[in-house]
Every structure is written in structure tokens, then in C-alpha cells.
C-alpha atoms as a PDB file:
ATOM      1  CA  MET A   1       0.000   0.000   0.000  1.00  0.00           C
ATOM      2  CA  ASP A   2       2.851   2.343   0.854  1.00  0.00           C
ATOM      3  CA  THR A   3       4.516   1.811  -2.504  1.00  0.00           C
ATOM      4  CA  ILE A   4       1.292   2.576  -4.380  1.00  0.00           C
ATOM      5  CA  ILE A   5       0.855   5.896  -2.588  1.00  0.00           C
ATOM      6  CA  THR A   6       4.529   6.751  -3.080  1.00  0.00           C
ATOM      7  CA  GLY A   7       4.236   5.870  -6.788  1.00  0.00           C
ATOM      8  CA  LEU A   8       1.190   8.106  -7.223  1.00  0.00           C
ATOM      9  CA  ILE A   9       2.896  11.001  -5.464  1.00  0.00           C
ATOM     10  CA  MET A  10       5.999  10.578  -7.641  1.00  0.00           C
ATOM     11  CA  ASN A  11       3.877  10.463 -10.814  1.00  0.00           C
ATOM     12  CA  LYS A  12       2.151  13.706  -9.827  1.00  0.00           C
ATOM     13  CA  TYR A  13       5.500  15.287  -8.927  1.00  0.00           C
ATOM     14  CA  ILE A  14       7.062  14.283 -12.239  1.00  0.00           C
ATOM     15  CA  SER A  15       4.029  15.547 -14.170  1.00  0.00           C
ATOM     16  CA  LEU A  16       4.107  18.843 -12.311  1.00  0.00           C
ATOM     17  CA  CYS A  17       7.826  19.250 -13.016  1.00  0.00           C
ATOM     18  CA  LEU A  18       7.290  18.558 -16.725  1.00  0.00           C
ATOM     19  CA  VAL A  19       4.443  21.053 -16.988  1.00  0.00           C
ATOM     20  CA  LEU A  20       6.393  23.750 -15.152  1.00  0.00           C
ATOM     21  CA  SER A  21       9.461  23.106 -17.303  1.00  0.00           C
ATOM     22  CA  CYS A  22       7.434  23.416 -20.506  1.00  0.00           C
ATOM     23  CA  LEU A  23       5.757  26.602 -19.308  1.00  0.00           C
ATOM     24  CA  THR A  24       9.124  28.081 -18.358  1.00  0.00           C
ATOM     25  CA  ILE A  25      10.614  27.278 -21.765  1.00  0.00           C
ATOM     26  CA  VAL A  26       7.624  28.735 -23.624  1.00  0.00           C
ATOM     27  CA  THR A  27       7.664  31.877 -21.472  1.00  0.00           C
ATOM     28  CA  ILE A  28      11.364  32.452 -22.046  1.00  0.00           C
ATOM     29  CA  GLN A  29      11.004  31.962 -25.795  1.00  0.00           C
ATOM     30  CA  LEU A  30       8.029  34.298 -26.072  1.00  0.00           C
ATOM     31  CA  SER A  31       9.683  36.995 -23.999  1.00  0.00           C
ATOM     32  CA  GLY A  32      12.302  37.495 -26.701  1.00  0.00           C
ATOM     33  CA  CYS A  33       9.856  37.871 -29.594  1.00  0.00           C
ATOM     34  CA  GLY A  34      10.564  41.379 -30.792  1.00  0.00           C
ATOM     35  CA  ARG A  35       9.997  44.835 -29.465  1.00  0.00           C
ATOM     36  CA  LYS A  36       6.958  46.655 -28.234  1.00  0.00           C
ATOM     37  CA  GLY A  37       4.961  48.772 -30.654  1.00  0.00           C
ATOM     38  CA  SER A  38       4.514  48.567 -34.401  1.00  0.00           C
ATOM     39  CA  PRO A  39       7.573  48.328 -36.640  1.00  0.00           C
ATOM     40  CA  LYS A  40       8.899  51.582 -38.052  1.00  0.00           C
ATOM     41  CA  PRO A  41      11.472  51.963 -40.824  1.00  0.00           C
ATOM     42  CA  PRO A  42      14.743  53.623 -39.855  1.00  0.00           C
ATOM     43  CA  GLY A  43      15.563  57.175 -40.818  1.00  0.00           C
ATOM     44  CA  PRO A  44      13.639  60.406 -41.246  1.00  0.00           C
ATOM     45  CA  ALA A  45      10.118  60.173 -42.644  1.00  0.00           C
ATOM     46  CA  ASP A  46      10.890  62.140 -45.838  1.00  0.00           C
ATOM     47  CA  LYS A  47      13.763  59.760 -46.791  1.00  0.00           C
ATOM     48  CA  ILE A  48      11.817  56.501 -46.431  1.00  0.00           C
ATOM     49  CA  THR A  49      11.290  54.786 -49.786  1.00  0.00           C
ATOM     50  CA  TYR A  50       9.608  51.620 -48.525  1.00  0.00           C
ATOM     51  CA  PRO A  51       7.229  49.980 -49.171  1.00  0.00           C
ATOM     52  CA  ARG A  52       7.834  50.115 -52.907  1.00  0.00           C
ATOM     53  CA  ASN A  53       5.546  48.910 -55.646  1.00  0.00           C
ATOM     54  CA  TYR A  54       6.647  45.906 -57.641  1.00  0.00           C
ATOM     55  CA  PRO A  55       7.877  46.053 -60.355  1.00  0.00           C
ATOM     56  CA  PRO A  56       9.644  49.348 -59.771  1.00  0.00           C
ATOM     57  CA  ALA A  57       8.885  52.151 -62.196  1.00  0.00           C
ATOM     58  CA  ASP A  58      12.209  52.995 -63.883  1.00  0.00           C
END
């Protein structure tokens, strides 16, 4: 009886550790996913040539 209870506790402990490990990995990966705010092209607004139409008009 003792071994059954110990086995169940260990199974729950291992499952909890796996879930917490997965959540930690996902959280760390998502925390590095870019910057806040919408993307802005570099440089002054009057010098920005993107987005361009394709094909370019030569």
C-alpha cells in the first residue's frame, strides 16, 4: 500500500515538473519575440522609400 501511494505522489511530482518546465521554456522563448509597438522603418520620414511597388517604375 505504501509503494502505491509513493508511486502516485511521484507520478504527480514528475508531471508537475514537466508542466512547469514546458511553461518556463515557452515563457522564455516568447519573452524574446521582438519589441513593443509597431515596426517603423529607420531614418527620417521624408527619406523613407519603402514599401515600394513591384515592379519598380524605372
